[in-house]
């Protein structure tokens, strides 16, 4: 496989894994909450799901590097609107995902945390990463 194609595949794989892992965690939490499982938040950051959280972290860290590398190899200028917009959206989305993780950790330790803000952070970060995936797919110049 060619170097550029391998890098594209790695970048797309990181995006798909990030979104699929987040969707899986959301569905798992939603189903457990509907069953009436009171300890769902305490289980969210425990060992079986630790792999999913680590996978999401690796994807979040690798995406800016592989994205910049792709832009550099292809020769697109970094000043293109969609590249700049993706960078800004990524920064805001990654910050909200980090804040969400802090709030979920507080829920795990049974500290009082507002669930509406936690849900809003999850939805906001999800929308951010979906919009980046849309910008990557459309590449409006």
N, C-alpha and C. Protein backbone atom coordinates (compact mmCIF):
# COMPACT_ATOMS: atom_id res chain seq x y z
N UNK A 1 0.83 -1.18 0.00
CA UNK A 1 0.00 0.00 0.00
C UNK A 1 0.88 1.24 0.00
N UNK A 2 0.42 2.24 -0.66
CA UNK A 2 1.16 3.48 -0.75
C UNK A 2 1.13 4.22 0.60
N UNK A 3 2.14 5.04 0.83
CA UNK A 3 2.30 5.76 2.09
C UNK A 3 1.11 6.68 2.37
N UNK A 4 0.70 7.45 1.36
CA UNK A 4 -0.42 8.38 1.53
C UNK A 4 -1.72 7.62 1.79
N UNK A 5 -1.92 6.53 1.10
CA UNK A 5 -3.13 5.73 1.29
C UNK A 5 -3.16 5.13 2.69
N UNK A 6 -2.03 4.68 3.17
CA UNK A 6 -1.95 4.13 4.53
C UNK A 6 -2.28 5.19 5.56
N UNK A 7 -1.76 6.38 5.37
CA UNK A 7 -2.02 7.47 6.30
C UNK A 7 -3.49 7.87 6.26
N UNK A 8 -4.09 7.91 5.08
CA UNK A 8 -5.52 8.21 4.97
C UNK A 8 -6.34 7.14 5.69
N UNK A 9 -5.97 5.88 5.49
CA UNK A 9 -6.69 4.79 6.14
C UNK A 9 -6.58 4.88 7.66
N UNK A 10 -5.40 5.23 8.16
CA UNK A 10 -5.22 5.37 9.62
C UNK A 10 -6.06 6.52 10.16
N UNK A 11 -6.11 7.62 9.43
CA UNK A 11 -6.88 8.79 9.87
C UNK A 11 -8.38 8.48 9.86
N UNK A 12 -8.84 7.83 8.82
CA UNK A 12 -10.26 7.48 8.72
C UNK A 12 -10.61 6.43 9.77
N UNK A 13 -9.73 5.47 9.99
CA UNK A 13 -9.97 4.45 11.00
C UNK A 13 -10.07 5.06 12.40
N UNK A 14 -9.20 6.03 12.70
CA UNK A 14 -9.26 6.71 14.00
C UNK A 14 -10.59 7.44 14.15
N UNK A 15 -11.05 8.07 13.10
CA UNK A 15 -12.33 8.79 13.16
C UNK A 15 -13.48 7.82 13.38
N UNK A 16 -13.50 6.74 12.62
CA UNK A 16 -14.58 5.76 12.74
C UNK A 16 -14.56 5.10 14.11
N UNK A 17 -13.38 4.73 14.59
CA UNK A 17 -13.29 4.11 15.92
C UNK A 17 -13.74 5.06 17.02
N UNK A 18 -13.37 6.33 16.91
CA UNK A 18 -13.77 7.31 17.91
C UNK A 18 -15.29 7.44 17.95
N UNK A 19 -15.90 7.62 16.79
CA UNK A 19 -17.34 7.80 16.75
C UNK A 19 -18.08 6.52 17.14
N UNK A 20 -17.59 5.37 16.71
CA UNK A 20 -18.25 4.10 17.06
C UNK A 20 -18.12 3.81 18.56
N UNK A 21 -16.97 4.11 19.14
CA UNK A 21 -16.79 3.89 20.58
C UNK A 21 -17.69 4.81 21.39
N UNK A 22 -17.78 6.06 20.97
CA UNK A 22 -18.64 7.00 21.68
C UNK A 22 -20.10 6.58 21.57
N UNK A 23 -20.51 6.13 20.38
CA UNK A 23 -21.87 5.67 20.20
C UNK A 23 -22.14 4.42 21.03
N UNK A 24 -21.19 3.51 21.07
CA UNK A 24 -21.33 2.30 21.88
C UNK A 24 -21.48 2.62 23.36
N UNK A 25 -20.64 3.53 23.87
CA UNK A 25 -20.76 3.92 25.27
C UNK A 25 -22.10 4.59 25.56
N UNK A 26 -22.56 5.43 24.64
CA UNK A 26 -23.84 6.11 24.83
C UNK A 26 -24.99 5.11 24.85
N UNK A 27 -24.97 4.16 23.92
CA UNK A 27 -26.04 3.16 23.90
C UNK A 27 -25.99 2.27 25.13
N UNK A 28 -24.79 1.87 25.55
CA UNK A 28 -24.66 1.04 26.75
C UNK A 28 -25.22 1.77 27.96
N UNK A 29 -24.88 3.04 28.11
CA UNK A 29 -25.37 3.82 29.24
C UNK A 29 -26.88 4.01 29.17
N UNK A 30 -27.38 4.31 27.99
CA UNK A 30 -28.81 4.53 27.82
C UNK A 30 -29.60 3.26 28.16
N UNK A 31 -29.14 2.10 27.68
CA UNK A 31 -29.83 0.84 27.96
C UNK A 31 -29.78 0.50 29.45
N UNK A 32 -28.64 0.72 30.07
CA UNK A 32 -28.53 0.42 31.51
C UNK A 32 -29.41 1.36 32.32
N UNK A 33 -29.47 2.58 31.91
CA UNK A 33 -30.32 3.55 32.63
C UNK A 33 -31.79 3.23 32.45
N UNK A 34 -32.19 2.75 31.28
CA UNK A 34 -33.59 2.39 31.05
C UNK A 34 -33.99 1.17 31.86
N UNK A 35 -33.04 0.27 32.11
CA UNK A 35 -33.32 -0.90 32.94
C UNK A 35 -33.44 -0.54 34.41
N UNK A 36 -33.04 0.67 34.75
CA UNK A 36 -33.11 1.09 36.14
C UNK A 36 -31.86 0.79 36.93
N UNK A 37 -30.76 0.55 36.25
CA UNK A 37 -29.49 0.25 36.91
C UNK A 37 -28.96 1.51 37.58
N UNK A 38 -28.98 1.54 38.89
CA UNK A 38 -28.57 2.72 39.63
C UNK A 38 -27.06 2.94 39.58
N UNK A 39 -26.30 1.89 39.40
CA UNK A 39 -24.85 2.01 39.41
C UNK A 39 -24.24 2.15 38.03
N UNK A 40 -25.04 2.57 37.06
CA UNK A 40 -24.55 2.65 35.68
C UNK A 40 -23.37 3.62 35.55
N UNK A 41 -23.41 4.71 36.28
CA UNK A 41 -22.33 5.69 36.16
C UNK A 41 -21.06 5.21 36.86
N UNK A 42 -21.24 4.43 37.90
CA UNK A 42 -20.08 3.86 38.56
C UNK A 42 -19.39 2.81 37.70
N UNK A 43 -20.16 2.13 36.85
CA UNK A 43 -19.61 1.11 35.97
C UNK A 43 -19.01 1.69 34.70
N UNK A 44 -19.35 2.90 34.37
CA UNK A 44 -18.97 3.49 33.09
C UNK A 44 -17.46 3.59 32.90
N UNK A 45 -16.72 3.80 33.97
CA UNK A 45 -15.27 3.95 33.84
C UNK A 45 -14.51 2.76 34.41
N UNK A 46 -15.19 1.65 34.60
CA UNK A 46 -14.53 0.47 35.16
C UNK A 46 -13.83 -0.34 34.10
N UNK A 47 -13.23 -1.41 34.50
CA UNK A 47 -12.30 -2.21 33.69
C UNK A 47 -12.83 -2.65 32.31
N UNK A 48 -14.01 -3.24 32.16
CA UNK A 48 -14.40 -3.70 30.82
C UNK A 48 -14.47 -2.56 29.81
N UNK A 49 -14.84 -1.41 30.25
CA UNK A 49 -14.96 -0.29 29.34
C UNK A 49 -13.69 0.55 29.26
N UNK A 50 -12.70 0.19 30.06
CA UNK A 50 -11.44 0.92 30.03
C UNK A 50 -10.79 0.84 28.65
N UNK A 51 -10.92 -0.31 28.00
CA UNK A 51 -10.37 -0.45 26.65
C UNK A 51 -11.01 0.55 25.70
N UNK A 52 -12.32 0.74 25.81
CA UNK A 52 -13.01 1.68 24.93
C UNK A 52 -12.53 3.10 25.20
N UNK A 53 -12.36 3.45 26.47
CA UNK A 53 -11.89 4.80 26.81
C UNK A 53 -10.46 5.01 26.32
N UNK A 54 -9.61 3.99 26.46
CA UNK A 54 -8.24 4.10 25.97
C UNK A 54 -8.21 4.20 24.44
N UNK A 55 -9.05 3.43 23.78
CA UNK A 55 -9.15 3.51 22.32
C UNK A 55 -9.58 4.90 21.87
N UNK A 56 -10.56 5.46 22.56
CA UNK A 56 -11.01 6.81 22.23
C UNK A 56 -9.89 7.83 22.47
N UNK A 57 -9.14 7.66 23.54
CA UNK A 57 -8.03 8.58 23.81
C UNK A 57 -6.94 8.51 22.76
N UNK A 58 -6.60 7.30 22.34
CA UNK A 58 -5.58 7.15 21.29
C UNK A 58 -6.07 7.78 19.99
N UNK A 59 -7.34 7.59 19.68
CA UNK A 59 -7.89 8.19 18.46
C UNK A 59 -7.88 9.71 18.55
N UNK A 60 -8.26 10.25 19.70
CA UNK A 60 -8.28 11.71 19.87
C UNK A 60 -6.88 12.31 19.75
N UNK A 61 -5.89 11.61 20.26
CA UNK A 61 -4.53 12.12 20.20
C UNK A 61 -3.94 11.98 18.79
N UNK A 62 -4.26 10.88 18.12
CA UNK A 62 -3.64 10.64 16.81
C UNK A 62 -4.25 11.47 15.69
N UNK A 63 -5.51 11.84 15.80
CA UNK A 63 -6.18 12.53 14.70
C UNK A 63 -5.54 13.85 14.28
N UNK A 64 -5.13 14.72 15.18
CA UNK A 64 -4.50 15.97 14.72
C UNK A 64 -3.18 15.72 13.99
N UNK A 65 -2.42 14.75 14.46
CA UNK A 65 -1.13 14.47 13.82
C UNK A 65 -1.30 13.88 12.43
N UNK A 66 -2.17 12.87 12.31
CA UNK A 66 -2.38 12.27 11.00
C UNK A 66 -3.06 13.25 10.05
N UNK A 67 -3.94 14.08 10.58
CA UNK A 67 -4.59 15.09 9.74
C UNK A 67 -3.60 16.12 9.21
N UNK A 68 -2.74 16.61 10.08
CA UNK A 68 -1.73 17.58 9.62
C UNK A 68 -0.79 16.93 8.61
N UNK A 69 -0.42 15.72 8.89
CA UNK A 69 0.50 15.00 8.01
C UNK A 69 -0.13 14.81 6.62
N UNK A 70 -1.43 14.48 6.60
CA UNK A 70 -2.13 14.34 5.32
C UNK A 70 -2.17 15.65 4.55
N UNK A 71 -2.50 16.73 5.24
CA UNK A 71 -2.54 18.04 4.60
C UNK A 71 -1.16 18.40 4.06
N UNK A 72 -0.14 18.10 4.81
CA UNK A 72 1.24 18.39 4.39
C UNK A 72 1.63 17.56 3.17
N UNK A 73 1.33 16.26 3.19
CA UNK A 73 1.70 15.39 2.08
C UNK A 73 0.94 15.73 0.80
N UNK A 74 -0.34 16.05 0.93
CA UNK A 74 -1.15 16.37 -0.24
C UNK A 74 -0.77 17.74 -0.80
N UNK A 75 -0.35 18.63 0.09
CA UNK A 75 0.07 19.95 -0.35
C UNK A 75 -1.00 21.02 -0.23
N UNK A 76 -2.04 20.74 0.53
CA UNK A 76 -3.06 21.76 0.73
C UNK A 76 -2.51 22.85 1.64
N UNK A 77 -2.85 24.10 1.39
CA UNK A 77 -2.42 25.15 2.31
C UNK A 77 -3.21 25.06 3.63
N UNK A 78 -2.53 25.32 4.71
CA UNK A 78 -3.18 25.26 6.03
C UNK A 78 -4.19 26.38 6.23
N UNK A 79 -4.18 27.37 5.35
CA UNK A 79 -5.11 28.49 5.48
C UNK A 79 -6.45 28.25 4.84
N UNK A 80 -6.71 27.07 4.29
CA UNK A 80 -8.03 26.79 3.72
C UNK A 80 -9.07 26.83 4.82
N UNK A 81 -10.23 27.34 4.48
CA UNK A 81 -11.28 27.54 5.48
C UNK A 81 -11.69 26.24 6.15
N UNK A 82 -11.82 25.16 5.38
CA UNK A 82 -12.29 23.92 5.98
C UNK A 82 -11.23 23.30 6.88
N UNK A 83 -9.95 23.51 6.58
CA UNK A 83 -8.89 22.99 7.44
C UNK A 83 -8.87 23.78 8.75
N UNK A 84 -8.97 25.10 8.65
CA UNK A 84 -8.99 25.93 9.86
C UNK A 84 -10.23 25.65 10.70
N UNK A 85 -11.38 25.53 10.02
CA UNK A 85 -12.62 25.24 10.75
C UNK A 85 -12.54 23.89 11.46
N UNK A 86 -11.97 22.89 10.78
CA UNK A 86 -11.81 21.58 11.41
C UNK A 86 -10.91 21.67 12.63
N UNK A 87 -9.85 22.46 12.54
CA UNK A 87 -8.93 22.60 13.67
C UNK A 87 -9.61 23.25 14.87
N UNK A 88 -10.37 24.30 14.60
CA UNK A 88 -11.07 25.00 15.69
C UNK A 88 -12.14 24.09 16.30
N UNK A 89 -12.91 23.43 15.44
CA UNK A 89 -13.96 22.53 15.94
C UNK A 89 -13.34 21.38 16.72
N UNK A 90 -12.21 20.86 16.25
CA UNK A 90 -11.54 19.78 16.96
C UNK A 90 -11.10 20.24 18.34
N UNK A 91 -10.52 21.41 18.42
CA UNK A 91 -10.05 21.93 19.71
C UNK A 91 -11.21 22.06 20.69
N UNK A 92 -12.31 22.63 20.25
CA UNK A 92 -13.47 22.80 21.12
C UNK A 92 -14.08 21.44 21.47
N UNK A 93 -14.18 20.54 20.49
CA UNK A 93 -14.74 19.22 20.73
C UNK A 93 -13.89 18.39 21.67
N UNK A 94 -12.57 18.45 21.50
CA UNK A 94 -11.67 17.70 22.38
C UNK A 94 -11.74 18.24 23.81
N UNK A 95 -11.82 19.57 23.95
CA UNK A 95 -11.96 20.15 25.29
C UNK A 95 -13.26 19.71 25.94
N UNK A 96 -14.35 19.70 25.18
CA UNK A 96 -15.63 19.29 25.76
C UNK A 96 -15.62 17.79 26.08
N UNK A 97 -14.93 16.98 25.28
CA UNK A 97 -14.82 15.55 25.59
C UNK A 97 -13.99 15.34 26.86
N UNK A 98 -12.93 16.13 27.03
CA UNK A 98 -12.14 16.04 28.25
C UNK A 98 -12.97 16.45 29.47
N UNK A 99 -13.74 17.53 29.34
CA UNK A 99 -14.60 18.00 30.43
C UNK A 99 -15.65 16.93 30.74
N UNK A 100 -16.18 16.29 29.70
CA UNK A 100 -17.14 15.21 29.89
C UNK A 100 -16.52 14.06 30.67
N UNK A 101 -15.31 13.70 30.34
CA UNK A 101 -14.63 12.62 31.05
C UNK A 101 -14.41 12.97 32.52
N UNK A 102 -14.08 14.21 32.81
CA UNK A 102 -13.92 14.65 34.20
C UNK A 102 -15.25 14.53 34.94
N UNK A 103 -16.33 14.94 34.29
CA UNK A 103 -17.65 14.86 34.93
C UNK A 103 -18.07 13.41 35.15
N UNK A 104 -17.79 12.54 34.16
CA UNK A 104 -18.13 11.13 34.32
C UNK A 104 -17.32 10.48 35.44
N UNK A 105 -16.09 10.91 35.60
CA UNK A 105 -15.28 10.39 36.70
C UNK A 105 -15.85 10.83 38.04
N UNK A 106 -16.36 12.05 38.09
CA UNK A 106 -17.00 12.51 39.32
C UNK A 106 -18.28 11.73 39.60
N UNK A 107 -19.01 11.38 38.53
CA UNK A 107 -20.20 10.54 38.71
C UNK A 107 -19.82 9.16 39.23
N UNK A 108 -18.73 8.63 38.72
CA UNK A 108 -18.26 7.31 39.15
C UNK A 108 -17.96 7.30 40.64
N UNK A 109 -17.41 8.41 41.14
CA UNK A 109 -17.08 8.50 42.56
C UNK A 109 -18.26 8.93 43.40
N UNK A 110 -19.45 8.99 42.78
CA UNK A 110 -20.71 9.33 43.45
C UNK A 110 -20.72 10.75 44.00
N UNK A 111 -20.03 11.65 43.34
CA UNK A 111 -20.10 13.06 43.71
C UNK A 111 -21.30 13.67 42.99
N UNK A 112 -21.93 14.67 43.58
CA UNK A 112 -23.09 15.28 42.92
C UNK A 112 -22.67 16.06 41.67
N UNK A 113 -23.26 15.67 40.56
CA UNK A 113 -22.97 16.30 39.27
C UNK A 113 -24.29 16.44 38.53
N UNK A 114 -24.49 17.59 37.89
CA UNK A 114 -25.70 17.79 37.11
C UNK A 114 -25.67 16.93 35.84
N UNK A 115 -26.71 16.10 35.68
CA UNK A 115 -26.73 15.20 34.54
C UNK A 115 -27.06 15.92 33.24
N UNK A 116 -27.77 17.03 33.30
CA UNK A 116 -28.12 17.75 32.07
C UNK A 116 -26.88 18.33 31.40
N UNK A 117 -25.99 18.89 32.17
CA UNK A 117 -24.76 19.44 31.59
C UNK A 117 -23.88 18.31 31.05
N UNK A 118 -23.88 17.18 31.74
CA UNK A 118 -23.11 16.03 31.26
C UNK A 118 -23.65 15.55 29.92
N UNK A 119 -24.97 15.46 29.81
CA UNK A 119 -25.58 15.06 28.55
C UNK A 119 -25.32 16.10 27.46
N UNK A 120 -25.40 17.37 27.83
CA UNK A 120 -25.14 18.43 26.85
C UNK A 120 -23.70 18.38 26.36
N UNK A 121 -22.76 18.11 27.25
CA UNK A 121 -21.36 17.98 26.84
C UNK A 121 -21.17 16.79 25.90
N UNK A 122 -21.81 15.68 26.20
CA UNK A 122 -21.70 14.50 25.35
C UNK A 122 -22.27 14.79 23.96
N UNK A 123 -23.43 15.41 23.91
CA UNK A 123 -24.03 15.74 22.61
C UNK A 123 -23.20 16.76 21.85
N UNK A 124 -22.69 17.76 22.54
CA UNK A 124 -21.90 18.80 21.89
C UNK A 124 -20.61 18.23 21.31
N UNK A 125 -19.91 17.41 22.08
CA UNK A 125 -18.67 16.83 21.55
C UNK A 125 -18.97 15.88 20.41
N UNK A 126 -20.07 15.14 20.49
CA UNK A 126 -20.45 14.27 19.38
C UNK A 126 -20.75 15.04 18.11
N UNK A 127 -21.48 16.14 18.25
CA UNK A 127 -21.78 16.98 17.08
C UNK A 127 -20.50 17.58 16.51
N UNK A 128 -19.59 17.98 17.37
CA UNK A 128 -18.31 18.53 16.90
C UNK A 128 -17.56 17.51 16.04
N UNK A 129 -17.43 16.29 16.53
CA UNK A 129 -16.66 15.28 15.79
C UNK A 129 -17.40 14.81 14.55
N UNK A 130 -18.73 14.79 14.57
CA UNK A 130 -19.48 14.46 13.36
C UNK A 130 -19.32 15.56 12.31
N UNK A 131 -19.30 16.82 12.75
CA UNK A 131 -19.12 17.91 11.78
C UNK A 131 -17.72 17.89 11.18
N UNK A 132 -16.73 17.50 11.96
CA UNK A 132 -15.37 17.36 11.41
C UNK A 132 -15.35 16.24 10.38
N UNK A 133 -16.02 15.14 10.67
CA UNK A 133 -16.07 14.04 9.70
C UNK A 133 -16.77 14.50 8.42
N UNK A 134 -17.80 15.32 8.57
CA UNK A 134 -18.46 15.88 7.38
C UNK A 134 -17.56 16.80 6.59
N UNK A 135 -16.79 17.63 7.30
CA UNK A 135 -15.85 18.51 6.61
C UNK A 135 -14.74 17.71 5.92
N UNK A 136 -14.29 16.64 6.56
CA UNK A 136 -13.26 15.79 5.94
C UNK A 136 -13.80 15.14 4.68
N UNK A 137 -15.06 14.73 4.72
CA UNK A 137 -15.66 14.07 3.56
C UNK A 137 -15.94 15.03 2.43
N UNK A 138 -16.44 16.22 2.75
CA UNK A 138 -16.83 17.18 1.72
C UNK A 138 -15.63 17.97 1.17
N UNK A 139 -14.70 18.29 2.03
CA UNK A 139 -13.53 19.10 1.68
C UNK A 139 -13.91 20.32 0.85
N UNK A 140 -14.79 21.17 1.37
CA UNK A 140 -15.14 22.37 0.59
C UNK A 140 -13.94 23.32 0.51
N UNK A 141 -13.60 23.71 -0.68
CA UNK A 141 -12.43 24.54 -0.87
C UNK A 141 -12.83 25.98 -1.02
